[in-house]
Amino acid sequence: MVQEEAYKKISTTAKLVAHIRAFTDIPFAKEIAAASGAETDFQTLAGKSAEFMTQSAFNLEARCKTTDQIIARYHITQVLEIAAGL
């Protein structure tokens, strides 16, 4: 299937973050994690650090919601976010 091939191109670290975001109420986070198979990569990468990493969901959610608030407050209509992998 073409869609499955596209998901194979998603980096492992992106899937790691997708899995962690699935524990938040960020729109579409659970759907993205499920569709990309993020849990499998998370379990492989996280190992013994899985619990600690899952607890970081709060930080990811706070960043997302703060960014949304700033965009709304200042009526920003265009946003370019570059994933640097840092």
Protein backbone atom coordinates (compact mmCIF):
# COMPACT_ATOMS: atom_id res chain seq x y z
CA MET A 1 0.00 0.00 0.00
CA VAL A 2 1.32 3.47 -0.89
CA GLN A 3 0.38 4.97 2.48
CA GLU A 4 2.37 2.32 4.38
CA GLU A 5 5.43 3.17 2.27
CA ALA A 6 5.06 6.83 3.23
CA TYR A 7 5.00 5.93 6.94
CA LYS A 8 8.29 4.04 6.53
CA LYS A 9 9.93 7.37 5.66
CA ILE A 10 9.05 8.87 9.06
CA SER A 11 12.15 9.06 11.22
CA THR A 12 12.36 6.98 14.37
CA THR A 13 12.74 10.07 16.54
CA ALA A 14 9.61 11.61 15.01
CA LYS A 15 7.72 8.42 15.89
CA LEU A 16 9.14 8.58 19.40
CA VAL A 17 7.66 12.05 19.89
CA ALA A 18 4.41 10.98 18.22
CA HIS A 19 4.02 8.17 20.73
CA ILE A 20 4.64 10.48 23.68
CA ARG A 21 2.18 13.06 22.32
CA ALA A 22 -0.49 10.34 22.17
CA PHE A 23 -0.76 10.66 25.97
CA THR A 24 -1.94 14.29 25.62
CA ASP A 25 -5.07 15.93 24.28
CA ILE A 26 -3.20 17.50 21.35
CA PRO A 27 -5.51 17.23 18.32
CA PHE A 28 -4.82 14.18 16.14
CA ALA A 29 -1.89 13.03 18.31
CA LYS A 30 -3.40 9.62 19.04
CA GLU A 31 -4.37 9.08 15.40
CA ILE A 32 -0.90 10.01 14.12
CA ALA A 33 0.79 7.72 16.63
CA ALA A 34 -1.48 4.81 15.73
CA ALA A 35 -1.22 5.28 11.96
CA SER A 36 2.58 5.55 11.99
CA GLY A 37 3.20 2.58 14.29
CA ALA A 38 4.92 4.86 16.76
CA GLU A 39 4.51 2.57 19.77
CA THR A 40 6.71 -0.14 18.24
CA ASP A 41 9.57 2.27 17.60
CA PHE A 42 9.09 3.84 21.02
CA GLN A 43 9.43 0.48 22.78
CA THR A 44 12.54 -0.32 20.74
CA LEU A 45 14.24 3.01 21.42
CA ALA A 46 13.11 3.82 24.93
CA GLY A 47 13.82 0.54 26.66
CA LYS A 48 14.32 1.17 30.37
CA SER A 49 13.75 4.92 29.89
CA ALA A 50 10.18 4.44 28.63
CA GLU A 51 8.47 5.61 31.83
CA PHE A 52 10.66 8.71 32.12
CA MET A 53 10.14 9.57 28.47
CA THR A 54 6.36 9.13 28.71
CA GLN A 55 6.33 11.57 31.62
CA SER A 56 7.77 14.22 29.30
CA ALA A 57 4.41 14.33 27.51
CA PHE A 58 3.49 17.28 29.76
CA ASN A 59 6.36 19.35 28.33
CA LEU A 60 5.42 18.54 24.74
CA GLU A 61 1.78 19.39 25.40
CA ALA A 62 2.69 22.67 27.12
CA ARG A 63 4.88 23.70 24.17
CA CYS A 64 2.13 22.93 21.66
CA LYS A 65 -0.58 24.76 23.60
CA THR A 66 1.64 27.78 24.31
CA THR A 67 2.49 28.07 20.64
CA ASP A 68 -1.22 27.87 19.75
CA GLN A 69 -2.02 30.64 22.25
CA ILE A 70 0.68 32.94 20.87
CA ILE A 71 -0.52 32.34 17.31
CA ALA A 72 -4.09 33.17 18.32
CA ARG A 73 -3.17 36.20 20.46
CA TYR A 74 -1.15 37.88 17.73
CA HIS A 75 -3.38 36.77 14.84
CA ILE A 76 -0.50 35.02 13.11
CA THR A 77 -1.68 33.46 9.87
CA GLN A 78 1.48 31.72 8.66
CA VAL A 79 3.86 29.52 10.61
CA LEU A 80 6.93 27.72 9.34
CA GLU A 81 8.21 25.10 11.74
CA ILE A 82 11.42 23.37 10.80
CA ALA A 83 12.18 20.09 12.53
CA ALA A 84 15.89 20.28 13.20
CA GLY A 85 16.16 17.04 15.12
CA LEU A 86 18.06 18.66 17.93
